[in-house]
Amino acid sequence: MQDASESFARPKVARRRRANAEWTHRFPDHHLEEAQCFRCDRRGETRLTVAPFQLVDCPDCGQSFVSPRLNEEGRAGLYGDSAYFDDGVYGSKFAHTLQRTWIDARLDWIESNHHNGDAGSMLEIGCAYGLFLEGAAERGYSVHGLEFSETAATAASRRLGTPIATGEIDDLVGDNVSDVVAAWDVIEHVSDPRAFLDKAYELIAPGGMLALSCPNAGSLAARVLGRRWWNLKLDRHIWQFTADDLQRLLTEAGYENITLHANPMRRVNFGRIDSLFAAAQRPLN
């Protein structure tokens, strides 16, 4: 006779296998690449698998990351689909309202904590459809944006009435620097987060501010739910950061006056029970 617990477990296993098969079909081998820890240049040890992806931990520093992960061609296909944005923070009035709440709160925080408190120049990396830059422009900032997705960059350009650069942070050229560089929910997507922060440092005026956010892999939701955590998303979140990870990374990159907030009751993070808000300063000298 079949054990009752076995009959209960089998549908779960079947559903997981179907989901894995769908992902494997969606992300073929030629869209994948192996990855190593950005800090230690080491391959990771497998923690969990959601085929074709694996979440791994660096055996030296403990940094969690995805390997194999999507390569540039695979990421271009993922982020080039408008559904990536329309099914998220732009997909409903409620989500749009939350986005506006975070925008106002984060701009308030930047204005209160920036070294001179005046609206200056603002660069957003990964500006999506341009809502944050629109809010910054309304407050008097001179705004510029960079977006990996051409689909989103086109939408942002229409919204703002100004060209939006497309590509990755290394594609930005010239000697222009900004008083504030923002990167909301971006650093977990980039191929090398240390290189990303190094380039961002060059783009910030001395004494200027970096402001960013990312999912909190050390949150209660992440720790309790494991593979069922809604922000795991191994197809896109290729680096998993805790508050300690992010503090360490910003310090290694030379930033000072680092502030981290994970409390969902803070306006900069309102309602986000598994998110990190961070701000840091490029030193004056």
C-alpha atoms as a PDB file:
ATOM      1  CA  MET A   1       0.000   0.000   0.000  1.00  0.00           C
ATOM      2  CA  GLN A   2       1.261   3.484  -0.873  1.00  0.00           C
ATOM      3  CA  ASP A   3       2.159   5.556   2.176  1.00  0.00           C
ATOM      4  CA  ALA A   4      -0.031   8.657   2.595  1.00  0.00           C
ATOM      5  CA  SER A   5       3.000  10.936   2.960  1.00  0.00           C
ATOM      6  CA  GLU A   6       4.404   9.514  -0.279  1.00  0.00           C
ATOM      7  CA  SER A   7       1.178  10.233  -2.182  1.00  0.00           C
ATOM      8  CA  PHE A   8       1.224  13.773  -0.797  1.00  0.00           C
ATOM      9  CA  ALA A   9       4.851  14.329  -1.770  1.00  0.00           C
ATOM     10  CA  ARG A  10       4.665  12.989  -5.306  1.00  0.00           C
ATOM     11  CA  PRO A  11       2.515  15.836  -6.742  1.00  0.00           C
ATOM     12  CA  LYS A  12       4.994  18.338  -5.292  1.00  0.00           C
ATOM     13  CA  VAL A  13       7.891  16.516  -6.923  1.00  0.00           C
ATOM     14  CA  ALA A  14       5.988  16.335 -10.217  1.00  0.00           C
ATOM     15  CA  ARG A  15       5.222  20.044 -10.143  1.00  0.00           C
ATOM     16  CA  ARG A  16       8.857  20.862  -9.398  1.00  0.00           C
ATOM     17  CA  ARG A  17      10.014  18.658 -12.273  1.00  0.00           C
ATOM     18  CA  ARG A  18       7.556  20.329 -14.659  1.00  0.00           C
ATOM     19  CA  ALA A  19       8.754  23.772 -13.558  1.00  0.00           C
ATOM     20  CA  ASN A  20      12.390  22.758 -14.000  1.00  0.00           C
ATOM     21  CA  ALA A  21      11.620  21.382 -17.465  1.00  0.00           C
ATOM     22  CA  GLU A  22       9.913  24.647 -18.446  1.00  0.00           C
ATOM     23  CA  TRP A  23      12.922  26.682 -17.287  1.00  0.00           C
ATOM     24  CA  THR A  24      15.370  24.377 -19.049  1.00  0.00           C
ATOM     25  CA  HIS A  25      13.410  24.837 -22.280  1.00  0.00           C
ATOM     26  CA  ARG A  26      13.233  28.610 -21.791  1.00  0.00           C
ATOM     27  CA  PHE A  27      16.941  28.975 -21.043  1.00  0.00           C
ATOM     28  CA  PRO A  28      18.897  26.762 -23.481  1.00  0.00           C
ATOM     29  CA  ASP A  29      22.551  25.859 -22.925  1.00  0.00           C
ATOM     30  CA  HIS A  30      23.861  28.442 -25.389  1.00  0.00           C
ATOM     31  CA  HIS A  31      22.380  31.183 -23.176  1.00  0.00           C
ATOM     32  CA  LEU A  32      24.294  29.983 -20.099  1.00  0.00           C
ATOM     33  CA  GLU A  33      27.795  30.525 -18.724  1.00  0.00           C
ATOM     34  CA  GLU A  34      29.746  29.346 -15.689  1.00  0.00           C
ATOM     35  CA  ALA A  35      30.640  31.958 -13.082  1.00  0.00           C
ATOM     36  CA  GLN A  36      33.174  32.409 -10.302  1.00  0.00           C
ATOM     37  CA  CYS A  37      33.243  34.509  -7.155  1.00  0.00           C
ATOM     38  CA  PHE A  38      34.092  38.117  -8.088  1.00  0.00           C
ATOM     39  CA  ARG A  39      36.241  38.443  -4.960  1.00  0.00           C
ATOM     40  CA  CYS A  40      38.101  35.131  -4.751  1.00  0.00           C
ATOM     41  CA  ASP A  41      37.948  33.902  -8.355  1.00  0.00           C
ATOM     42  CA  ARG A  42      36.723  30.560  -7.019  1.00  0.00           C
ATOM     43  CA  ARG A  43      33.972  28.257  -8.190  1.00  0.00           C
ATOM     44  CA  GLY A  44      31.145  27.879  -5.715  1.00  0.00           C
ATOM     45  CA  GLU A  45      29.811  24.901  -3.800  1.00  0.00           C
ATOM     46  CA  THR A  46      26.213  24.023  -4.668  1.00  0.00           C
ATOM     47  CA  ARG A  47      23.536  24.973  -2.138  1.00  0.00           C
ATOM     48  CA  LEU A  48      20.431  24.369  -4.258  1.00  0.00           C
ATOM     49  CA  THR A  49      19.424  23.722  -7.854  1.00  0.00           C
ATOM     50  CA  VAL A  50      16.549  25.108  -9.889  1.00  0.00           C
ATOM     51  CA  ALA A  51      17.515  23.721 -13.279  1.00  0.00           C
ATOM     52  CA  PRO A  52      19.287  24.913 -15.284  1.00  0.00           C
ATOM     53  CA  PHE A  53      20.581  27.253 -12.549  1.00  0.00           C
ATOM     54  CA  GLN A  54      22.405  26.573  -9.294  1.00  0.00           C
ATOM     55  CA  LEU A  55      22.825  28.779  -6.236  1.00  0.00           C
ATOM     56  CA  VAL A  56      26.364  28.286  -4.957  1.00  0.00           C
ATOM     57  CA  ASP A  57      28.536  29.627  -2.130  1.00  0.00           C
ATOM     58  CA  CYS A  58      32.174  30.655  -2.450  1.00  0.00           C
ATOM     59  CA  PRO A  59      34.255  28.252  -0.311  1.00  0.00           C
ATOM     60  CA  ASP A  60      36.610  31.084   0.693  1.00  0.00           C
ATOM     61  CA  CYS A  61      34.494  34.184   1.455  1.00  0.00           C
ATOM     62  CA  GLY A  62      30.974  32.683   1.559  1.00  0.00           C
ATOM     63  CA  GLN A  63      29.539  34.995  -1.121  1.00  0.00           C
ATOM     64  CA  SER A  64      26.452  33.421  -2.714  1.00  0.00           C
ATOM     65  CA  PHE A  65      25.973  33.562  -6.467  1.00  0.00           C
ATOM     66  CA  VAL A  66      24.425  31.746  -9.415  1.00  0.00           C
ATOM     67  CA  SER A  67      26.396  29.391 -11.640  1.00  0.00           C
ATOM     68  CA  PRO A  68      25.622  28.576 -14.353  1.00  0.00           C
ATOM     69  CA  ARG A  69      23.935  31.890 -15.078  1.00  0.00           C
ATOM     70  CA  LEU A  70      22.569  33.674 -18.126  1.00  0.00           C
ATOM     71  CA  ASN A  71      25.219  35.049 -20.464  1.00  0.00           C
ATOM     72  CA  GLU A  72      24.927  38.431 -22.187  1.00  0.00           C
ATOM     73  CA  GLU A  73      22.750  37.039 -24.987  1.00  0.00           C
ATOM     74  CA  GLY A  74      20.469  35.337 -22.505  1.00  0.00           C
ATOM     75  CA  ARG A  75      20.156  38.462 -20.356  1.00  0.00           C
ATOM     76  CA  ALA A  76      19.419  40.590 -23.408  1.00  0.00           C
ATOM     77  CA  GLY A  77      16.515  38.303 -24.247  1.00  0.00           C
ATOM     78  CA  LEU A  78      15.190  38.337 -20.689  1.00  0.00           C
ATOM     79  CA  TYR A  79      15.329  42.094 -20.130  1.00  0.00           C
ATOM     80  CA  GLY A  80      14.400  42.970 -23.714  1.00  0.00           C
ATOM     81  CA  ASP A  81      10.932  41.513 -23.203  1.00  0.00           C
ATOM     82  CA  SER A  82       8.539  44.249 -22.034  1.00  0.00           C
ATOM     83  CA  ALA A  83       6.789  41.646 -19.861  1.00  0.00           C
ATOM     84  CA  TYR A  84       9.814  41.744 -17.553  1.00  0.00           C
ATOM     85  CA  PHE A  85       8.815  45.273 -16.521  1.00  0.00           C
ATOM     86  CA  ASP A  86       5.066  45.216 -17.141  1.00  0.00           C
ATOM     87  CA  ASP A  87       4.577  42.176 -14.884  1.00  0.00           C
ATOM     88  CA  GLY A  88       6.469  43.878 -12.044  1.00  0.00           C
ATOM     89  CA  VAL A  89       6.339  47.375 -10.519  1.00  0.00           C
ATOM     90  CA  TYR A  90       4.647  48.780 -13.638  1.00  0.00           C
ATOM     91  CA  GLY A  91       2.028  46.078 -13.863  1.00  0.00           C
ATOM     92  CA  SER A  92      -0.705  47.389 -11.550  1.00  0.00           C
ATOM     93  CA  LYS A  93      -1.932  50.589  -9.929  1.00  0.00           C
ATOM     94  CA  PHE A  94      -1.000  49.237  -6.496  1.00  0.00           C
ATOM     95  CA  ALA A  95       2.556  48.418  -7.584  1.00  0.00           C
ATOM     96  CA  HIS A  96       2.818  51.806  -9.248  1.00  0.00           C
ATOM     97  CA  THR A  97       1.668  53.523  -6.033  1.00  0.00           C
ATOM     98  CA  LEU A  98       4.285  51.643  -4.004  1.00  0.00           C
ATOM     99  CA  GLN A  99       6.927  52.672  -6.498  1.00  0.00           C
ATOM    100  CA  ARG A 100       5.933  56.318  -6.094  1.00  0.00           C
ATOM    101  CA  THR A 101       6.116  55.941  -2.303  1.00  0.00           C
ATOM    102  CA  TRP A 102       9.688  54.613  -2.499  1.00  0.00           C
ATOM    103  CA  ILE A 103      10.705  57.311  -4.972  1.00  0.00           C
ATOM    104  CA  ASP A 104       9.514  60.156  -2.745  1.00  0.00           C
ATOM    105  CA  ALA A 105      11.045  58.602   0.376  1.00  0.00           C
ATOM    106  CA  ARG A 106      14.391  57.924  -1.256  1.00  0.00           C
ATOM    107  CA  LEU A 107      14.634  61.386  -2.755  1.00  0.00           C
ATOM    108  CA  ASP A 108      13.794  62.849   0.676  1.00  0.00           C
ATOM    109  CA  TRP A 109      16.559  60.731   2.220  1.00  0.00           C
ATOM    110  CA  ILE A 110      19.098  61.747  -0.420  1.00  0.00           C
ATOM    111  CA  GLU A 111      18.264  65.426  -0.035  1.00  0.00           C
ATOM    112  CA  SER A 112      18.500  65.206   3.771  1.00  0.00           C
ATOM    113  CA  ASN A 113      21.788  63.323   3.839  1.00  0.00           C
ATOM    114  CA  HIS A 114      23.720  64.576   0.831  1.00  0.00           C
ATOM    115  CA  HIS A 115      26.710  66.696   1.830  1.00  0.00           C
ATOM    116  CA  ASN A 116      25.264  69.956   0.503  1.00  0.00           C
ATOM    117  CA  GLY A 117      21.559  69.150   0.396  1.00  0.00           C
ATOM    118  CA  ASP A 118      21.094  70.918  -2.940  1.00  0.00           C
ATOM    119  CA  ALA A 119      19.610  69.398  -6.085  1.00  0.00           C
ATOM    120  CA  GLY A 120      22.454  68.804  -8.501  1.00  0.00           C
ATOM    121  CA  SER A 121      23.090  66.129 -11.095  1.00  0.00           C
ATOM    122  CA  MET A 122      21.604  62.641 -10.813  1.00  0.00           C
ATOM    123  CA  LEU A 123      22.574  59.528 -12.767  1.00  0.00           C
ATOM    124  CA  GLU A 124      20.472  56.395 -12.433  1.00  0.00           C
ATOM    125  CA  ILE A 125      21.934  53.064 -13.517  1.00  0.00           C
ATOM    126  CA  GLY A 126      19.178  50.677 -14.545  1.00  0.00           C
ATOM    127  CA  CYS A 127      16.539  53.395 -14.804  1.00  0.00           C
ATOM    128  CA  ALA A 128      13.852  51.091 -16.277  1.00  0.00           C
ATOM    129  CA  TYR A 129      10.868  53.214 -17.413  1.00  0.00           C
ATOM    130  CA  GLY A 130      12.251  56.375 -15.811  1.00  0.00           C
ATOM    131  CA  LEU A 131       9.902  56.881 -12.850  1.00  0.00           C
ATOM    132  CA  PHE A 132      12.665  57.679 -10.346  1.00  0.00           C
ATOM    133  CA  LEU A 133      14.398  60.077 -12.704  1.00  0.00           C
ATOM    134  CA  GLU A 134      11.069  61.757 -13.397  1.00  0.00           C
ATOM    135  CA  GLY A 135      10.633  62.334  -9.674  1.00  0.00           C
ATOM    136  CA  ALA A 136      14.203  63.663  -9.382  1.00  0.00           C
ATOM    137  CA  ALA A 137      13.690  66.032 -12.318  1.00  0.00           C
ATOM    138  CA  GLU A 138      10.545  67.412 -10.687  1.00  0.00           C
ATOM    139  CA  ARG A 139      12.732  68.339  -7.691  1.00  0.00           C
ATOM    140  CA  GLY A 140      15.212  70.214  -9.826  1.00  0.00           C
ATOM    141  CA  TYR A 141      17.879  67.596 -10.504  1.00  0.00           C
ATOM    142  CA  SER A 142      19.638  67.440 -13.838  1.00  0.00           C
ATOM    143  CA  VAL A 143      18.962  63.803 -14.680  1.00  0.00           C
ATOM    144  CA  HIS A 144      20.700  61.194 -16.818  1.00  0.00           C
ATOM    145  CA  GLY A 145      19.981  57.507 -17.155  1.00  0.00           C
ATOM    146  CA  LEU A 146      21.464  54.216 -18.299  1.00  0.00           C
ATOM    147  CA  GLU A 147      19.385  51.124 -18.989  1.00  0.00           C
ATOM    148  CA  PHE A 148      20.440  47.677 -20.190  1.00  0.00           C
ATOM    149  CA  SER A 149      17.078  47.009 -21.860  1.00  0.00           C
ATOM    150  CA  GLU A 150      16.510  48.921 -25.093  1.00  0.00           C
ATOM    151  CA  THR A 151      12.765  48.399 -24.606  1.00  0.00           C
ATOM    152  CA  ALA A 152      12.827  50.130 -21.213  1.00  0.00           C
ATOM    153  CA  ALA A 153      15.285  52.826 -22.349  1.00  0.00           C
ATOM    154  CA  THR A 154      12.911  53.811 -25.151  1.00  0.00           C
ATOM    155  CA  ALA A 155      10.016  54.083 -22.698  1.00  0.00           C
ATOM    156  CA  ALA A 156      12.120  56.126 -20.238  1.00  0.00           C
ATOM    157  CA  SER A 157      13.279  58.471 -22.998  1.00  0.00           C
ATOM    158  CA  ARG A 158       9.667  59.139 -24.007  1.00  0.00           C
ATOM    159  CA  ARG A 159       8.689  59.774 -20.382  1.00  0.00           C
ATOM    160  CA  LEU A 160      11.583  62.148 -19.663  1.00  0.00           C
ATOM    161  CA  GLY A 161      11.926  63.799 -23.052  1.00  0.00           C
ATOM    162  CA  THR A 162      15.665  63.164 -23.032  1.00  0.00           C
ATOM    163  CA  PRO A 163      17.894  60.425 -24.461  1.00  0.00           C
ATOM    164  CA  ILE A 164      18.657  57.454 -22.216  1.00  0.00           C
ATOM    165  CA  ALA A 165      21.908  55.586 -22.772  1.00  0.00           C
ATOM    166  CA  THR A 166      21.655  51.844 -23.342  1.00  0.00           C
ATOM    167  CA  GLY A 167      24.106  49.181 -22.224  1.00  0.00           C
ATOM    168  CA  GLU A 168      26.022  48.455 -19.043  1.00  0.00           C
ATOM    169  CA  ILE A 169      27.909  50.743 -16.717  1.00  0.00           C
ATOM    170  CA  ASP A 170      31.221  50.115 -18.505  1.00  0.00           C
ATOM    171  CA  ASP A 171      29.644  51.508 -21.673  1.00  0.00           C
ATOM    172  CA  LEU A 172      29.461  55.000 -20.172  1.00  0.00           C
ATOM    173  CA  VAL A 173      32.267  57.133 -21.538  1.00  0.00           C
ATOM    174  CA  GLY A 174      33.475  60.653 -20.945  1.00  0.00           C
ATOM    175  CA  ASP A 175      34.608  62.592 -17.910  1.00  0.00           C
ATOM    176  CA  ASN A 176      31.194  63.687 -16.659  1.00  0.00           C
ATOM    177  CA  VAL A 177      30.480  62.925 -13.004  1.00  0.00           C
ATOM    178  CA  SER A 178      27.252  63.254 -11.016  1.00  0.00           C
ATOM    179  CA  ASP A 179      26.488  64.411  -7.500  1.00  0.00           C
ATOM    180  CA  VAL A 180      24.340  61.324  -6.957  1.00  0.00           C
ATOM    181  CA  VAL A 181      24.426  57.920  -8.637  1.00  0.00           C
ATOM    182  CA  ALA A 182      21.411  55.693  -7.946  1.00  0.00           C
ATOM    183  CA  ALA A 183      21.026  51.997  -8.750  1.00  0.00           C
ATOM    184  CA  TRP A 184      17.767  50.529  -7.494  1.00  0.00           C
ATOM    185  CA  ASP A 185      17.663  46.723  -7.560  1.00  0.00           C
ATOM    186  CA  VAL A 186      20.523  46.535 -10.038  1.00  0.00           C
ATOM    187  CA  ILE A 187      23.659  45.225  -8.323  1.00  0.00           C
ATOM    188  CA  GLU A 188      22.233  41.700  -7.967  1.00  0.00           C
ATOM    189  CA  HIS A 189      21.887  41.548 -11.779  1.00  0.00           C
ATOM    190  CA  VAL A 190      25.367  42.616 -12.924  1.00  0.00           C
ATOM    191  CA  SER A 191      28.119  40.231 -13.977  1.00  0.00           C
ATOM    192  CA  ASP A 192      30.691  41.629 -11.509  1.00  0.00           C
ATOM    193  CA  PRO A 193      29.395  43.710  -8.572  1.00  0.00           C
ATOM    194  CA  ARG A 194      32.856  44.888  -7.464  1.00  0.00           C
ATOM    195  CA  ALA A 195      33.666  46.154 -10.965  1.00  0.00           C
ATOM    196  CA  PHE A 196      30.226  47.787 -11.004  1.00  0.00           C
ATOM    197  CA  LEU A 197      30.932  49.689  -7.760  1.00  0.00           C
ATOM    198  CA  ASP A 198      34.410  50.670  -8.955  1.00  0.00           C
ATOM    199  CA  LYS A 199      32.948  52.210 -12.110  1.00  0.00           C
ATOM    200  CA  ALA A 200      30.162  53.892 -10.150  1.00  0.00           C
ATOM    201  CA  TYR A 201      32.842  55.432  -7.894  1.00  0.00           C
ATOM    202  CA  GLU A 202      34.434  57.047 -10.947  1.00  0.00           C
ATOM    203  CA  LEU A 203      31.071  58.489 -11.981  1.00  0.00           C
ATOM    204  CA  ILE A 204      30.416  60.164  -8.612  1.00  0.00           C
ATOM    205  CA  ALA A 205      31.798  63.624  -7.868  1.00  0.00           C
ATOM    206  CA  PRO A 206      34.115  63.727  -4.820  1.00  0.00           C
ATOM    207  CA  GLY A 207      31.874  63.963  -1.771  1.00  0.00           C
ATOM    208  CA  GLY A 208      28.929  62.704  -3.794  1.00  0.00           C
ATOM    209  CA  MET A 209      26.579  59.860  -2.962  1.00  0.00           C
ATOM    210  CA  LEU A 210      25.828  56.358  -4.169  1.00  0.00           C
ATOM    211  CA  ALA A 211      22.329  55.106  -3.326  1.00  0.00           C
ATOM    212  CA  LEU A 212      21.181  51.583  -4.120  1.00  0.00           C
ATOM    213  CA  SER A 213      18.916  48.733  -3.127  1.00  0.00           C
ATOM    214  CA  CYS A 214      18.844  44.967  -3.573  1.00  0.00           C
ATOM    215  CA  PRO A 215      17.019  41.903  -2.245  1.00  0.00           C
ATOM    216  CA  ASN A 216      18.096  40.897   1.260  1.00  0.00           C
ATOM    217  CA  ALA A 217      19.290  37.294   1.217  1.00  0.00           C
ATOM    218  CA  GLY A 218      19.644  37.468   4.992  1.00  0.00           C
ATOM    219  CA  SER A 219      16.004  38.405   5.586  1.00  0.00           C
ATOM    220  CA  LEU A 220      13.682  36.173   7.575  1.00  0.00           C
ATOM    221  CA  ALA A 221      11.673  35.455   4.417  1.00  0.00           C
ATOM    222  CA  ALA A 222      14.769  34.314   2.524  1.00  0.00           C
ATOM    223  CA  ARG A 223      16.044  32.149   5.386  1.00  0.00           C
ATOM    224  CA  VAL A 224      12.708  30.490   6.148  1.00  0.00           C
ATOM    225  CA  LEU A 225      11.426  29.988   2.601  1.00  0.00           C
ATOM    226  CA  GLY A 226      14.665  28.844   0.958  1.00  0.00           C
ATOM    227  CA  ARG A 227      14.012  27.870  -2.656  1.00  0.00           C
ATOM    228  CA  ARG A 228      10.428  29.154  -2.303  1.00  0.00           C
ATOM    229  CA  TRP A 229      11.595  32.720  -1.505  1.00  0.00           C
ATOM    230  CA  TRP A 230       9.885  34.971  -4.049  1.00  0.00           C
ATOM    231  CA  ASN A 231      13.022  37.045  -4.597  1.00  0.00           C
ATOM    232  CA  LEU A 232      15.361  34.119  -5.233  1.00  0.00           C
ATOM    233  CA  LYS A 233      14.818  34.400  -9.024  1.00  0.00           C
ATOM    234  CA  LEU A 234      17.970  32.593 -10.130  1.00  0.00           C
ATOM    235  CA  ASP A 235      17.441  33.560 -13.764  1.00  0.00           C
ATOM    236  CA  ARG A 236      18.111  37.229 -12.928  1.00  0.00           C
ATOM    237  CA  HIS A 237      19.391  37.660  -9.346  1.00  0.00           C
ATOM    238  CA  ILE A 238      22.858  36.263  -9.921  1.00  0.00           C
ATOM    239  CA  TRP A 239      24.346  37.630  -6.672  1.00  0.00           C
ATOM    240  CA  GLN A 240      22.683  37.123  -3.300  1.00  0.00           C
ATOM    241  CA  PHE A 241      23.601  39.761  -0.707  1.00  0.00           C
ATOM    242  CA  THR A 242      23.056  39.959   3.022  1.00  0.00           C
ATOM    243  CA  ALA A 243      23.525  43.251   4.879  1.00  0.00           C
ATOM    244  CA  ASP A 244      27.018  42.110   5.926  1.00  0.00           C
ATOM    245  CA  ASP A 245      27.877  41.206   2.328  1.00  0.00           C
ATOM    246  CA  LEU A 246      26.831  44.623   1.063  1.00  0.00           C
ATOM    247  CA  GLN A 247      28.625  46.486   3.854  1.00  0.00           C
ATOM    248  CA  ARG A 248      31.814  44.557   3.113  1.00  0.00           C
ATOM    249  CA  LEU A 249      31.556  45.125  -0.627  1.00  0.00           C
ATOM    250  CA  LEU A 250      31.025  48.883  -0.328  1.00  0.00           C
ATOM    251  CA  THR A 251      33.925  49.151   2.117  1.00  0.00           C
ATOM    252  CA  GLU A 252      36.238  47.179  -0.174  1.00  0.00           C
ATOM    253  CA  ALA A 253      35.334  49.525  -3.038  1.00  0.00           C
ATOM    254  CA  GLY A 254      36.455  52.546  -1.021  1.00  0.00           C
ATOM    255  CA  TYR A 255      33.126  54.100  -0.044  1.00  0.00           C
ATOM    256  CA  GLU A 256      32.653  55.866   3.291  1.00  0.00           C
ATOM    257  CA  ASN A 257      29.767  56.844   5.586  1.00  0.00           C
ATOM    258  CA  ILE A 258      27.868  53.694   4.653  1.00  0.00           C
ATOM    259  CA  THR A 259      24.235  53.467   5.753  1.00  0.00           C
ATOM    260  CA  LEU A 260      22.102  50.323   5.491  1.00  0.00           C
ATOM    261  CA  HIS A 261      18.376  49.939   6.148  1.00  0.00           C
ATOM    262  CA  ALA A 262      16.457  46.654   6.086  1.00  0.00           C
ATOM    263  CA  ASN A 263      13.457  47.644   8.204  1.00  0.00           C
ATOM    264  CA  PRO A 264      10.246  47.538   6.092  1.00  0.00           C
ATOM    265  CA  MET A 265       8.773  50.289   8.268  1.00  0.00           C
ATOM    266  CA  ARG A 266      11.372  52.769   7.013  1.00  0.00           C
ATOM    267  CA  ARG A 267       9.913  54.940   4.257  1.00  0.00           C
ATOM    268  CA  VAL A 268      12.866  54.203   1.949  1.00  0.00           C
ATOM    269  CA  ASN A 269      11.983  50.507   2.222  1.00  0.00           C
ATOM    270  CA  PHE A 270       8.292  50.694   3.040  1.00  0.00           C
ATOM    271  CA  GLY A 271       6.546  47.331   2.882  1.00  0.00           C
ATOM    272  CA  ARG A 272       9.610  45.518   1.561  1.00  0.00           C
ATOM    273  CA  ILE A 273      10.273  42.809   4.127  1.00  0.00           C
ATOM    274  CA  ASP A 274      13.198  41.371   2.195  1.00  0.00           C
ATOM    275  CA  SER A 275      15.005  44.392   0.758  1.00  0.00           C
ATOM    276  CA  LEU A 276      18.153  46.360   1.591  1.00  0.00           C
ATOM    277  CA  PHE A 277      18.550  50.107   1.089  1.00  0.00           C
ATOM    278  CA  ALA A 278      22.127  51.373   1.109  1.00  0.00           C
ATOM    279  CA  ALA A 279      23.800  54.744   0.707  1.00  0.00           C
ATOM    280  CA  ALA A 280      27.483  55.615   0.781  1.00  0.00           C
ATOM    281  CA  GLN A 281      29.761  58.524  -0.002  1.00  0.00           C
ATOM    282  CA  ARG A 282      32.713  58.894  -2.286  1.00  0.00           C
ATOM    283  CA  PRO A 283      35.397  60.575  -0.137  1.00  0.00           C
ATOM    284  CA  LEU A 284      36.221  64.215  -0.853  1.00  0.00           C
ATOM    285  CA  ASN A 285      39.898  63.347  -1.345  1.00  0.00           C
END
